[in-house]
Protein backbone atom coordinates (compact mmCIF):
# COMPACT_ATOMS: atom_id res chain seq x y z
CA MET A 1 122.14 -8.91 6.39
CA VAL A 2 119.61 -10.12 8.62
CA PHE A 3 116.57 -12.05 8.06
CA VAL A 4 113.60 -11.72 10.64
CA ASP A 5 109.95 -12.67 10.84
CA ALA A 6 107.04 -11.24 12.74
CA GLY A 7 105.67 -14.70 13.55
CA ASP A 8 102.15 -16.37 12.96
CA PHE A 9 103.72 -18.27 10.06
CA THR A 10 102.20 -21.57 11.26
CA GLY A 11 99.47 -22.84 8.93
CA ASP A 12 95.99 -24.45 9.70
CA LEU A 13 95.78 -27.56 11.76
CA THR A 14 95.16 -29.72 8.60
CA VAL A 15 97.72 -32.19 7.42
CA PRO A 16 98.48 -29.95 4.48
CA GLY A 17 98.74 -26.91 6.61
CA GLN A 18 101.25 -28.51 8.83
CA LYS A 19 103.21 -29.80 5.90
CA GLN A 20 103.37 -26.36 4.42
CA THR A 21 104.56 -25.04 7.88
CA ASP A 22 107.39 -27.50 8.09
CA ALA A 23 108.47 -26.40 4.76
CA ILE A 24 108.30 -22.73 5.72
CA LEU A 25 110.60 -23.47 8.68
CA ASP A 26 113.08 -25.41 6.58
CA GLY A 27 113.14 -22.44 4.19
CA MET A 28 113.70 -19.99 6.96
CA ASN A 29 116.70 -22.20 8.01
CA ARG A 30 117.96 -22.27 4.43
CA LEU A 31 117.72 -18.45 4.13
CA GLY A 32 119.61 -18.03 7.44
CA TYR A 33 116.87 -16.32 9.54
CA GLN A 34 118.19 -15.03 12.68
CA VAL A 35 115.06 -14.46 14.88
CA SER A 36 111.34 -14.73 14.71
CA ALA A 37 108.51 -13.47 17.05
CA LEU A 38 106.36 -16.33 18.47
CA GLY A 39 102.73 -15.54 17.42
CA GLN A 40 99.44 -17.02 18.56
CA ARG A 41 99.18 -19.06 15.56
CA ASP A 42 102.51 -20.73 16.15
CA LEU A 43 100.88 -22.30 19.40
CA GLY A 44 97.91 -23.45 17.54
CA PRO A 45 98.85 -27.06 16.91
CA GLY A 46 99.90 -27.36 20.64
CA TRP A 47 102.99 -26.86 22.67
CA GLU A 48 104.45 -30.13 21.84
CA ALA A 49 104.34 -29.24 18.05
CA PHE A 50 105.77 -25.98 18.63
CA ALA A 51 108.56 -27.37 20.83
CA GLU A 52 109.51 -29.71 18.06
CA ARG A 53 109.63 -27.03 15.46
CA ARG A 54 111.60 -24.82 17.80
CA SER A 55 114.30 -27.59 18.18
CA ARG A 56 114.74 -27.75 14.54
CA ALA A 57 114.70 -24.13 13.93
CA LYS A 58 118.35 -22.46 13.58
CA PHE A 59 117.04 -19.28 15.15
CA PRO A 60 115.42 -18.22 18.32
CA PHE A 61 111.85 -17.33 18.87
CA VAL A 62 111.02 -14.31 21.03
CA SER A 63 107.90 -12.84 22.74
CA ALA A 64 107.38 -10.40 25.39
CA ASN A 65 103.63 -10.91 26.03
CA LEU A 66 103.03 -14.67 25.40
CA VAL A 67 103.23 -15.63 29.23
CA TYR A 68 102.32 -18.32 31.55
CA GLN A 69 99.25 -17.48 33.31
CA ASP A 70 100.47 -18.39 36.80
CA SER A 71 103.67 -16.19 36.70
CA GLY A 72 103.51 -13.70 33.90
CA GLU A 73 106.79 -15.06 32.59
CA PRO A 74 107.11 -15.12 29.02
CA VAL A 75 107.25 -18.76 27.40
CA VAL A 76 110.19 -17.91 25.36
CA ASP A 77 113.04 -15.33 25.69
CA PRO A 78 111.54 -12.00 25.79
CA PHE A 79 114.11 -10.56 23.70
CA VAL A 80 117.41 -11.45 22.06
CA VAL A 81 120.48 -9.23 21.14
CA GLN A 82 122.25 -9.98 17.84
CA LYS A 83 125.47 -8.74 16.81
CA ILE A 84 125.37 -7.53 13.26
CA ALA A 85 128.46 -6.78 11.17
CA VAL A 86 128.47 -3.42 9.63
CA ARG A 87 129.61 -2.98 5.84
CA ASP A 88 133.33 -2.69 5.35
CA GLY A 89 134.72 0.71 5.73
CA SER A 90 132.95 1.73 8.65
CA LYS A 91 134.79 2.66 11.91
CA ALA A 92 132.25 0.39 13.83
CA ARG A 93 132.67 -3.07 12.92
CA GLU A 94 129.26 -4.32 14.33
CA VAL A 95 126.18 -3.17 16.03
CA ARG A 96 124.08 -4.52 18.66
CA VAL A 97 120.38 -5.23 17.52
CA ALA A 98 117.73 -6.09 20.19
CA PHE A 99 114.66 -7.95 18.87
CA THR A 100 111.40 -8.51 20.94
CA GLY A 101 107.89 -9.97 19.78
CA LEU A 102 104.58 -8.64 20.55
CA THR A 103 101.21 -10.04 19.72
CA ALA A 104 97.67 -8.63 20.11
CA ALA A 105 96.14 -9.09 23.58
CA ASN A 106 93.50 -11.77 23.09
CA PRO A 107 91.26 -12.61 26.08
CA ALA A 108 90.18 -15.76 24.29
CA PHE A 109 93.53 -17.08 23.74
CA LEU A 110 94.43 -19.89 26.21
CA LYS A 111 96.95 -22.74 25.40
CA SER A 112 98.33 -25.54 27.46
CA GLY A 113 102.07 -25.32 27.86
CA PRO A 114 104.71 -27.70 29.47
CA GLY A 115 103.44 -29.32 32.37
CA GLY A 116 100.03 -28.00 31.78
CA ARG A 117 100.71 -24.49 32.58
CA ARG A 118 98.45 -22.23 30.85
CA ILE A 119 99.55 -19.75 28.29
CA VAL A 120 97.86 -16.26 27.97
CA THR A 121 98.50 -12.97 26.26
CA ALA A 122 99.57 -10.09 28.22
CA ASP A 123 99.11 -6.39 27.61
CA PRO A 124 101.53 -5.51 24.86
CA MET A 125 102.13 -1.99 25.94
CA ALA A 126 102.90 -3.07 29.42
CA ALA A 127 105.23 -5.81 28.16
CA ALA A 128 107.00 -3.21 26.05
CA ARG A 129 107.60 -0.89 28.88
CA THR A 130 108.95 -3.61 30.95
CA TYR A 131 111.58 -4.98 28.46
CA VAL A 132 112.37 -2.25 26.21
CA PRO A 133 114.42 -0.28 28.72
CA GLN A 134 116.34 -3.54 29.10
CA MET A 135 116.91 -3.92 25.43
CA ARG A 136 118.06 -0.34 25.25
CA ALA A 137 120.57 -0.84 27.82
CA LYS A 138 122.13 -3.67 25.84
CA ALA A 139 121.68 -2.75 22.21
CA ASP A 140 122.32 0.11 19.77
CA VAL A 141 119.06 -0.62 17.92
CA VAL A 142 115.65 -1.76 19.46
CA VAL A 143 113.28 -3.66 17.14
CA VAL A 144 109.69 -4.94 17.87
CA LEU A 145 108.47 -7.73 15.57
CA SER A 146 105.01 -6.98 15.64
CA ALA A 147 101.62 -8.89 15.09
CA LEU A 148 99.64 -5.73 16.26
CA ASP A 149 97.43 -3.90 14.03
CA LEU A 150 98.65 -0.53 12.66
CA ASP A 151 96.75 1.51 15.09
CA ALA A 152 98.12 -0.51 18.03
CA ALA A 153 101.68 -0.30 16.68
CA ARG A 154 101.41 3.47 16.41
CA ASN A 155 100.17 3.78 19.89
CA LEU A 156 102.96 1.51 21.08
CA ALA A 157 105.54 3.92 19.35
CA ARG A 158 103.82 6.82 21.32
CA GLY A 159 103.85 5.09 24.60
CA VAL A 160 107.25 3.39 24.53
CA LYS A 161 109.50 6.05 22.87
CA GLU A 162 112.84 4.00 22.82
CA ILE A 163 111.62 1.93 20.13
CA ASP A 164 113.60 2.31 16.86
CA LEU A 165 111.82 -0.08 14.57
CA ILE A 166 108.47 -1.77 14.53
CA LEU A 167 108.45 -4.56 11.86
CA GLY A 168 105.09 -6.05 11.27
CA GLY A 169 103.29 -8.68 9.40
CA LEU A 170 99.40 -8.99 10.21
CA GLY A 171 97.28 -10.15 7.27
CA ALA A 172 97.52 -8.13 4.09
CA ILE A 173 98.36 -4.91 6.03
CA GLN A 174 100.93 -2.74 4.29
CA SER A 175 102.43 0.45 5.47
CA ARG A 176 104.24 3.49 3.73
CA SER A 177 107.83 2.98 3.35
CA ASP A 178 108.57 6.72 3.88
CA ASP A 179 108.86 8.91 7.00
CA PHE A 180 105.44 10.07 6.90
CA PRO A 181 104.60 11.99 10.26
CA GLU A 182 102.13 10.03 12.69
CA ASP A 183 101.85 7.26 10.11
CA SER A 184 105.01 5.49 9.51
CA LEU A 185 107.25 7.77 11.72
CA ILE A 186 106.09 8.36 15.33
CA GLY A 187 108.77 10.21 17.41
CA LYS A 188 111.91 8.32 16.59
CA THR A 189 110.05 5.06 15.75
CA ARG A 190 109.80 3.93 12.26
CA LEU A 191 106.91 1.38 11.19
CA GLN A 192 107.20 -1.06 8.37
CA TYR A 193 104.27 -3.64 7.60
CA VAL A 194 104.83 -5.88 4.40
CA GLY A 195 101.63 -7.76 3.91
CA ASP A 196 101.31 -11.74 4.00
CA GLN A 197 102.02 -14.92 2.14
CA GLY A 198 105.34 -14.19 1.34
CA LYS A 199 104.44 -11.68 -1.46
CA ASN A 200 106.70 -8.92 -0.49
CA LEU A 201 110.02 -8.47 1.30
CA GLY A 202 110.53 -5.60 3.55
CA GLU A 203 114.20 -3.95 3.23
CA ILE A 204 115.35 -1.82 6.00
CA ARG A 205 118.89 -0.22 5.53
CA ILE A 206 120.41 1.62 8.55
CA GLY A 207 123.35 4.10 8.52
CA PHE A 208 125.24 4.53 11.73
CA THR A 209 127.61 7.15 12.87
CA ASP A 210 131.14 6.14 14.32
CA LYS A 211 129.50 5.83 17.82
CA ARG A 212 126.91 3.37 16.61
CA ALA A 213 123.95 5.85 16.67
CA ILE A 214 121.43 5.49 13.97
CA GLN A 215 122.05 8.41 11.47
CA SER A 216 119.78 7.47 8.69
CA VAL A 217 116.99 4.66 7.84
CA TRP A 218 115.87 3.70 4.37
CA ARG A 219 112.98 1.35 3.93
CA SER A 220 111.56 -0.35 0.73
CA LEU A 221 108.86 -2.92 -0.21
CA ILE A 222 110.06 -5.35 -2.80
CA GLY A 223 107.31 -7.36 -4.47
CA LEU A 224 108.58 -10.93 -4.94
CA THR A 225 107.18 -11.52 -8.59
CA SER A 226 108.04 -13.79 -11.15
CA GLU A 227 110.70 -11.54 -12.16
CA TRP A 228 112.99 -12.74 -9.33
CA PRO A 229 114.81 -15.93 -10.27
CA ASP A 230 114.20 -18.95 -7.98
CA GLU A 231 116.82 -19.96 -5.51
CA PRO A 232 117.38 -23.75 -6.59
CA GLN A 233 117.10 -25.45 -3.19
CA LEU A 234 114.27 -23.40 -2.07
CA LEU A 235 112.48 -24.09 -5.35
CA ALA A 236 113.18 -27.87 -4.86
CA LEU A 237 111.76 -27.70 -1.40
CA MET A 238 108.69 -25.68 -2.47
CA SER A 239 108.03 -28.15 -5.41
CA ALA A 240 108.32 -31.22 -3.08
CA THR A 241 105.87 -29.66 -0.47
CA LYS A 242 103.36 -29.00 -3.14
CA ASP A 243 103.49 -32.39 -4.60
CA ALA A 244 103.33 -33.94 -1.04
CA VAL A 245 100.27 -31.76 -0.25
CA ASN A 246 98.51 -32.77 -3.63
CA GLU A 247 99.21 -36.38 -2.98
CA TYR A 248 97.69 -36.26 0.47
CA ASN A 249 94.68 -34.43 -0.80
CA LYS A 250 94.33 -37.14 -3.59
CA SER A 251 94.61 -39.96 -1.04
CA GLN A 252 91.66 -38.28 0.78
CA ALA A 253 89.53 -37.75 -2.22
CA THR A 254 86.54 -40.06 -2.75
CA SER A 255 85.00 -41.18 -5.96
CA ALA A 256 81.70 -41.00 -4.41
CA SER A 257 79.72 -38.48 -6.48
CA PRO A 258 77.01 -36.43 -5.16
CA PHE A 259 75.08 -37.35 -8.32
CA LEU A 260 74.91 -41.10 -7.56
CA ALA A 261 71.76 -42.92 -8.01
CA PRO A 262 70.27 -44.27 -4.91
CA SER A 263 70.15 -47.84 -6.35
CA THR A 264 73.75 -47.97 -7.58
CA PRO A 265 75.79 -46.93 -4.52
CA GLY A 266 79.71 -46.74 -5.15
CA ALA A 267 79.43 -46.06 -8.85
CA PRO A 268 77.77 -43.31 -10.83
CA PRO A 269 75.37 -44.01 -13.46
CA ALA A 270 76.80 -44.44 -16.93
CA ALA A 271 75.26 -40.91 -18.08
CA VAL A 272 76.68 -39.32 -14.94
CA ALA A 273 80.13 -40.94 -15.22
CA ALA A 274 80.48 -39.68 -18.79
CA ALA A 275 79.31 -36.19 -18.02
CA GLY A 276 79.96 -35.58 -14.32
CA ALA A 277 76.39 -34.08 -14.01
CA PRO A 278 73.27 -34.88 -12.31
CA PRO A 279 69.88 -35.42 -14.34
CA THR A 280 68.75 -32.48 -16.43
CA GLY A 281 65.42 -30.90 -17.31
CA ALA A 282 62.82 -28.44 -16.02
CA GLY A 283 61.89 -30.79 -13.18
CA SER A 284 65.18 -30.36 -11.51
CA ALA A 285 64.93 -28.59 -8.37
CA ALA A 286 67.67 -25.98 -9.10
CA PRO A 287 70.04 -25.28 -11.98
CA ALA A 288 72.95 -27.76 -11.87
CA TYR A 289 76.38 -27.97 -13.75
CA THR A 290 76.12 -30.56 -16.61
CA GLY A 291 79.49 -30.31 -18.36
CA SER A 292 80.47 -28.79 -21.70
CA ASP A 293 79.43 -31.66 -24.03
CA ARG A 294 76.10 -31.04 -23.47
CA CYS A 295 76.14 -27.71 -24.97
CA MET A 296 77.55 -28.92 -28.30
CA PRO A 297 74.40 -30.18 -30.14
CA CYS A 298 72.77 -26.63 -29.95
CA HIS A 299 75.99 -24.56 -30.03
CA GLN A 300 78.34 -26.41 -32.49
CA GLU A 301 80.08 -23.16 -33.68
CA ALA A 302 80.67 -21.85 -30.14
CA PHE A 303 81.63 -25.32 -28.86
CA GLY A 304 84.19 -25.62 -31.57
CA ILE A 305 85.92 -22.27 -30.82
CA TRP A 306 85.93 -23.42 -27.13
CA LYS A 307 87.30 -27.07 -27.89
CA ARG A 308 90.33 -25.48 -29.59
CA SER A 309 91.02 -23.06 -26.89
CA THR A 310 93.44 -23.64 -23.70
CA HIS A 311 90.27 -23.33 -21.65
CA ALA A 312 89.39 -26.87 -22.81
CA ARG A 313 92.57 -28.15 -21.38
CA ALA A 314 92.95 -25.98 -18.43
CA PHE A 315 92.84 -28.88 -15.89
CA ASP A 316 95.67 -30.81 -17.60
CA THR A 317 97.94 -27.85 -16.40
CA LEU A 318 97.29 -28.98 -12.86
CA VAL A 319 97.80 -32.49 -13.76
CA ASN A 320 101.01 -31.87 -15.38
CA ASN A 321 102.12 -29.85 -12.21
CA HIS A 322 100.86 -32.25 -9.79
CA GLN A 323 98.33 -29.71 -8.47
CA ASP A 324 95.07 -31.35 -9.59
CA PHE A 325 94.07 -31.76 -5.99
CA ASN A 326 95.16 -28.41 -4.79
CA PRO A 327 92.06 -26.48 -3.52
CA ASN A 328 93.66 -23.36 -3.97
CA CYS A 329 94.08 -24.06 -7.90
CA VAL A 330 91.35 -26.25 -9.00
CA GLY A 331 88.49 -23.51 -8.81
CA CYS A 332 90.17 -21.80 -11.79
CA HIS A 333 90.61 -25.00 -13.76
CA SER A 334 87.17 -26.60 -13.32
CA ILE A 335 83.39 -25.87 -13.55
CA GLY A 336 81.68 -24.78 -10.40
CA TYR A 337 84.14 -25.80 -7.91
CA GLY A 338 82.90 -24.83 -4.43
CA LYS A 339 79.28 -24.39 -5.60
CA PRO A 340 76.30 -26.87 -5.27
CA ASN A 341 76.57 -29.76 -7.78
CA GLY A 342 79.90 -28.28 -9.07
CA PHE A 343 83.39 -29.77 -9.47
CA LEU A 344 84.63 -31.99 -6.48
CA ASN A 345 87.76 -33.76 -7.74
CA ALA A 346 88.73 -35.55 -10.79
CA GLN A 347 87.49 -38.98 -9.42
CA ALA A 348 84.07 -37.82 -8.42
CA THR A 349 83.22 -35.35 -11.15
CA PRO A 350 85.44 -35.97 -14.21
CA GLY A 351 82.87 -34.42 -16.63
CA LEU A 352 83.39 -30.86 -14.83
CA GLN A 353 87.27 -30.57 -15.50
CA HIS A 354 88.65 -27.79 -17.42
CA VAL A 355 87.32 -24.25 -17.90
CA GLY A 356 84.21 -24.95 -19.65
CA CYS A 357 80.84 -23.30 -20.94
CA GLU A 358 79.30 -23.04 -17.36
CA SER A 359 82.43 -21.51 -15.89
CA CYS A 360 81.30 -18.25 -17.65
CA HIS A 361 77.65 -18.84 -18.18
CA GLY A 362 76.49 -20.69 -15.14
CA PRO A 363 74.76 -24.18 -14.46
CA SER A 364 72.87 -25.15 -17.41
CA SER A 365 70.79 -28.10 -16.56
CA ARG A 366 67.39 -25.98 -16.79
CA HIS A 367 68.51 -24.72 -19.98
CA PRO A 368 66.78 -24.64 -22.70
CA ASP A 369 63.51 -26.00 -21.10
CA SER A 370 63.00 -23.34 -18.51
CA LEU A 371 65.87 -21.06 -18.93
CA LEU A 372 65.53 -19.53 -22.26
CA LYS A 373 66.25 -16.19 -23.32
CA GLY A 374 68.65 -14.29 -21.01
CA TYR A 375 70.28 -17.51 -19.69
CA GLY A 376 74.13 -17.30 -19.72
CA VAL A 377 74.51 -13.43 -19.91
CA THR A 378 78.00 -12.50 -18.82
CA THR A 379 80.75 -10.13 -19.49
CA THR A 380 84.35 -10.09 -20.13
CA GLY A 381 84.74 -8.70 -16.52
CA ALA A 382 84.17 -12.35 -15.25
CA CYS A 383 87.53 -13.24 -16.73
CA ARG A 384 89.17 -11.27 -13.94
CA VAL A 385 87.83 -13.67 -11.35
CA CYS A 386 90.58 -15.97 -12.26
CA HIS A 387 92.87 -13.91 -14.33
CA THR A 388 94.04 -11.88 -11.47
CA GLN A 389 97.29 -9.78 -11.23
CA GLU A 390 98.64 -12.44 -8.95
CA ASN A 391 97.63 -15.58 -10.83
CA SER A 392 97.75 -14.11 -14.44
CA PRO A 393 100.11 -11.12 -14.39
CA ASP A 394 100.47 -11.06 -18.08
CA PHE A 395 96.71 -11.06 -18.84
CA ASP A 396 95.76 -8.43 -21.52
CA PRO A 397 92.07 -8.68 -22.38
CA ALA A 398 92.71 -7.10 -25.79
CA VAL A 399 95.15 -10.00 -26.43
CA TYR A 400 93.48 -12.98 -24.73
CA ILE A 401 89.83 -12.35 -25.25
CA PRO A 402 89.90 -12.59 -28.99
CA LYS A 403 91.38 -16.21 -28.66
CA ILE A 404 88.13 -17.37 -27.01
CA GLN A 405 85.66 -14.79 -28.67
CA HIS A 406 82.55 -16.91 -29.77
CA TRP A 407 80.13 -14.09 -29.87
CA ASP A 408 79.04 -11.34 -32.48
């Protein structure tokens, strides 16, 4: 079994992004990855950061077309050949598999390498035509780890016919897992793109003749859903990283609310501190979020139903799981996150925690003064904004909606 990656797994340049990248690298080491392509994102933090990660990686990075501008020489090995053991019972005990990496040509890409040498992208087709014959001479199977789009990958297969497999990862792109002519099978070359964010695992099984020639290729795409058990050490690594990112975000959060009165810098007025909301009324420039407690006097029955629901405690889930400062999570556990006058964080806007009335019905500061009939109209389709297949795979409207129903 061989684990490989098409590269570009480096996160954004923020502290949380780099913590996550380090965790991915540690996880790849733990899983026993044998090779990864070098992608443009992987050089984003700079050559020194990449060199440090490369020194910790227990696998090589390869790229045929990330090159030094002054010489055209690849900045890492253009390809590697791995000897892979074949299943017991076969006459051939091992096969030789050559791996290279290709990224898209990008005229705007320019990075400083060791000694100040400039790193640029070369034409991937030209690079493949240079190195694939060398790979074929040394290996039984030729594999391209690709960060090209599907059209470019198919053109590559048409232009360089000695490639056996093009295994890709570029955003959410997924390809068919069968031998569909001119789609996933071009000549002898088979393509497999698996999507992003570790949601899927692409599996390739190859059968060989006694002379180590490819006899059959079987491909599948395995969704890594919650049905699969967690590997204990990887789970611990993931949990520790999520906690570290959350603590960092928490350390950066400020309690300075956007609703502070000018005369009291540093601490919100008492009313705002309680509700986490700006002054209300018809004179407000635009509707703003005010918090669910303000709805209670006029909507006592609906408020009571909400108060007994898990929506009213939604933010507690994040607190208990140390994700209360995770920007990828708080939007579905608070009111108005990412919107004007919406939730910022638990320090600045405590009154906008949990999934409240305004999460579904919109900002209420001008209700009922100027927003009367028609305010708050919504549909149960709004539930799917947060209850997606990914975040809430067990969500069944027929079961869940009656639990929060507060309308006729």
